[in-house]
Amino acid sequence: MLIEHIITRLNDMRLTGMSEAYSSQRERPNIDELSFDERFSLMVDQEWTYRQNRRLARLLNAAKLRLPA
């Protein structure tokens, strides 16, 4: 129940990349070998990448290129 609550809250705060990172970390059996700081860093990096990819997709769509980029 707590995990679902965390994921819902992350999505409500529009931290979709972090939510996906948290879910994928929970599925990895050896994730406990990493420290909290390392795990948190992975989540922040995935959120940053997610936002950059969305920004790039939005800009490419707004450019209305004749050929797909």
N, C-alpha and C. Protein backbone atom coordinates (compact mmCIF):
# COMPACT_ATOMS: atom_id res chain seq x y z
N MET A 1 0.82 -1.19 0.00
CA MET A 1 0.00 0.00 0.00
C MET A 1 0.87 1.26 0.00
N LEU A 2 1.93 1.24 0.79
CA LEU A 2 2.81 2.40 0.88
C LEU A 2 3.49 2.67 -0.47
N ILE A 3 3.88 1.62 -1.15
CA ILE A 3 4.56 1.77 -2.44
C ILE A 3 3.63 2.40 -3.46
N GLU A 4 2.39 1.94 -3.51
CA GLU A 4 1.41 2.52 -4.43
C GLU A 4 1.18 3.99 -4.11
N HIS A 5 1.17 4.31 -2.83
CA HIS A 5 0.97 5.69 -2.40
C HIS A 5 2.14 6.57 -2.87
N ILE A 6 3.35 6.07 -2.73
CA ILE A 6 4.54 6.82 -3.17
C ILE A 6 4.49 7.06 -4.67
N ILE A 7 4.19 6.03 -5.43
CA ILE A 7 4.14 6.15 -6.89
C ILE A 7 3.04 7.12 -7.31
N THR A 8 1.89 7.05 -6.65
CA THR A 8 0.79 7.98 -6.95
C THR A 8 1.20 9.41 -6.65
N ARG A 9 1.86 9.63 -5.53
CA ARG A 9 2.29 10.98 -5.16
C ARG A 9 3.32 11.51 -6.16
N LEU A 10 4.27 10.67 -6.57
CA LEU A 10 5.26 11.11 -7.55
C LEU A 10 4.58 11.51 -8.86
N ASN A 11 3.62 10.71 -9.29
CA ASN A 11 2.90 11.04 -10.52
C ASN A 11 2.07 12.30 -10.36
N ASP A 12 1.45 12.49 -9.19
CA ASP A 12 0.67 13.70 -8.93
C ASP A 12 1.54 14.95 -8.98
N MET A 13 2.80 14.81 -8.57
CA MET A 13 3.74 15.93 -8.60
C MET A 13 4.42 16.07 -9.96
N ARG A 14 3.96 15.27 -10.92
CA ARG A 14 4.51 15.26 -12.27
C ARG A 14 5.99 14.89 -12.30
N LEU A 15 6.35 13.92 -11.47
CA LEU A 15 7.70 13.37 -11.45
C LEU A 15 7.65 11.96 -12.03
N THR A 16 7.19 11.87 -13.27
CA THR A 16 6.97 10.58 -13.91
C THR A 16 8.26 9.80 -14.06
N GLY A 17 9.34 10.47 -14.44
CA GLY A 17 10.61 9.78 -14.59
C GLY A 17 11.08 9.18 -13.28
N MET A 18 10.90 9.91 -12.20
CA MET A 18 11.30 9.42 -10.89
C MET A 18 10.41 8.25 -10.46
N SER A 19 9.14 8.34 -10.79
CA SER A 19 8.21 7.25 -10.49
C SER A 19 8.61 5.97 -11.22
N GLU A 20 8.96 6.10 -12.49
CA GLU A 20 9.40 4.94 -13.26
C GLU A 20 10.71 4.38 -12.72
N ALA A 21 11.61 5.26 -12.31
CA ALA A 21 12.89 4.81 -11.75
C ALA A 21 12.66 4.06 -10.44
N TYR A 22 11.77 4.57 -9.61
CA TYR A 22 11.47 3.91 -8.33
C TYR A 22 10.88 2.52 -8.57
N SER A 23 9.96 2.44 -9.52
CA SER A 23 9.34 1.14 -9.83
C SER A 23 10.38 0.16 -10.36
N SER A 24 11.25 0.62 -11.24
CA SER A 24 12.26 -0.29 -11.81
C SER A 24 13.28 -0.70 -10.75
N GLN A 25 13.60 0.20 -9.81
CA GLN A 25 14.53 -0.17 -8.74
C GLN A 25 13.93 -1.25 -7.85
N ARG A 26 12.64 -1.20 -7.61
CA ARG A 26 11.99 -2.20 -6.75
C ARG A 26 12.02 -3.57 -7.39
N GLU A 27 12.13 -3.64 -8.72
CA GLU A 27 12.13 -4.93 -9.42
C GLU A 27 13.52 -5.56 -9.47
N ARG A 28 14.56 -4.77 -9.19
CA ARG A 28 15.93 -5.28 -9.24
C ARG A 28 16.30 -5.93 -7.91
N PRO A 29 16.72 -7.19 -7.93
CA PRO A 29 17.01 -7.88 -6.67
C PRO A 29 18.28 -7.38 -5.96
N ASN A 30 19.24 -6.85 -6.70
CA ASN A 30 20.51 -6.43 -6.09
C ASN A 30 20.59 -4.94 -5.83
N ILE A 31 19.46 -4.24 -5.82
CA ILE A 31 19.46 -2.79 -5.64
C ILE A 31 19.87 -2.41 -4.22
N ASP A 32 19.70 -3.32 -3.27
CA ASP A 32 20.07 -3.03 -1.87
C ASP A 32 21.57 -2.86 -1.69
N GLU A 33 22.35 -3.25 -2.68
CA GLU A 33 23.79 -3.09 -2.60
C GLU A 33 24.20 -1.62 -2.74
N LEU A 34 23.33 -0.81 -3.32
CA LEU A 34 23.61 0.61 -3.48
C LEU A 34 23.18 1.39 -2.25
N SER A 35 23.89 2.45 -1.98
CA SER A 35 23.52 3.31 -0.86
C SER A 35 22.28 4.13 -1.23
N PHE A 36 21.69 4.77 -0.22
CA PHE A 36 20.53 5.63 -0.47
C PHE A 36 20.89 6.74 -1.45
N ASP A 37 22.06 7.36 -1.26
CA ASP A 37 22.48 8.45 -2.14
C ASP A 37 22.63 7.99 -3.59
N GLU A 38 23.17 6.80 -3.79
CA GLU A 38 23.33 6.28 -5.15
C GLU A 38 21.98 5.99 -5.78
N ARG A 39 21.08 5.40 -5.01
CA ARG A 39 19.74 5.11 -5.54
C ARG A 39 18.98 6.40 -5.84
N PHE A 40 19.08 7.37 -4.96
CA PHE A 40 18.40 8.64 -5.17
C PHE A 40 18.97 9.35 -6.39
N SER A 41 20.29 9.27 -6.56
CA SER A 41 20.95 9.87 -7.72
C SER A 41 20.44 9.24 -9.02
N LEU A 42 20.26 7.93 -9.02
CA LEU A 42 19.71 7.26 -10.21
C LEU A 42 18.30 7.76 -10.52
N MET A 43 17.50 7.96 -9.48
CA MET A 43 16.13 8.43 -9.69
C MET A 43 16.12 9.86 -10.22
N VAL A 44 16.97 10.71 -9.68
CA VAL A 44 17.05 12.10 -10.15
C VAL A 44 17.55 12.14 -11.59
N ASP A 45 18.55 11.34 -11.91
CA ASP A 45 19.07 11.29 -13.28
C ASP A 45 18.00 10.83 -14.27
N GLN A 46 17.21 9.84 -13.87
CA GLN A 46 16.16 9.37 -14.78
C GLN A 46 15.08 10.43 -14.97
N GLU A 47 14.74 11.15 -13.92
CA GLU A 47 13.76 12.24 -14.05
C GLU A 47 14.30 13.32 -14.98
N TRP A 48 15.56 13.68 -14.84
CA TRP A 48 16.17 14.71 -15.70
C TRP A 48 16.16 14.26 -17.16
N THR A 49 16.54 13.01 -17.40
CA THR A 49 16.55 12.47 -18.76
C THR A 49 15.14 12.44 -19.34
N TYR A 50 14.17 12.03 -18.53
CA TYR A 50 12.78 11.99 -18.97
C TYR A 50 12.31 13.37 -19.41
N ARG A 51 12.63 14.40 -18.62
CA ARG A 51 12.22 15.77 -18.95
C ARG A 51 12.93 16.28 -20.20
N GLN A 52 14.22 15.97 -20.35
CA GLN A 52 14.96 16.41 -21.53
C GLN A 52 14.41 15.76 -22.79
N ASN A 53 14.07 14.47 -22.71
CA ASN A 53 13.51 13.77 -23.86
C ASN A 53 12.15 14.34 -24.25
N ARG A 54 11.32 14.64 -23.25
CA ARG A 54 10.01 15.25 -23.54
C ARG A 54 10.18 16.63 -24.16
N ARG A 55 11.14 17.40 -23.67
CA ARG A 55 11.40 18.74 -24.20
C ARG A 55 11.84 18.65 -25.66
N LEU A 56 12.76 17.73 -25.94
CA LEU A 56 13.24 17.56 -27.31
C LEU A 56 12.11 17.13 -28.23
N ALA A 57 11.27 16.20 -27.79
CA ALA A 57 10.14 15.75 -28.60
C ALA A 57 9.18 16.91 -28.86
N ARG A 58 8.93 17.74 -27.84
CA ARG A 58 8.03 18.88 -28.01
C ARG A 58 8.61 19.89 -29.01
N LEU A 59 9.91 20.15 -28.91
CA LEU A 59 10.55 21.10 -29.83
C LEU A 59 10.56 20.58 -31.26
N LEU A 60 10.82 19.28 -31.42
CA LEU A 60 10.80 18.70 -32.76
C LEU A 60 9.40 18.75 -33.36
N ASN A 61 8.41 18.52 -32.54
CA ASN A 61 7.03 18.59 -33.01
C ASN A 61 6.67 20.01 -33.40
N ALA A 62 7.12 20.99 -32.62
CA ALA A 62 6.81 22.39 -32.90
C ALA A 62 7.56 22.88 -34.12
N ALA A 63 8.69 22.26 -34.47
CA ALA A 63 9.48 22.67 -35.63
C ALA A 63 8.77 22.33 -36.94
N LYS A 64 7.88 21.35 -36.89
CA LYS A 64 7.12 20.92 -38.07
C LYS A 64 8.02 20.66 -39.26
N LEU A 65 9.01 19.82 -39.03
CA LEU A 65 9.96 19.44 -40.09
C LEU A 65 9.24 18.60 -41.13
N ARG A 66 9.66 18.75 -42.37
CA ARG A 66 9.03 17.97 -43.45
C ARG A 66 9.39 16.49 -43.36
N LEU A 67 10.63 16.23 -42.97
CA LEU A 67 11.08 14.86 -42.79
C LEU A 67 11.27 14.58 -41.31
N PRO A 68 11.02 13.35 -40.88
CA PRO A 68 11.21 13.07 -39.46
C PRO A 68 12.68 13.23 -39.06
N ALA A 69 12.89 13.84 -37.93
CA ALA A 69 14.26 14.05 -37.44
C ALA A 69 14.76 12.84 -36.72
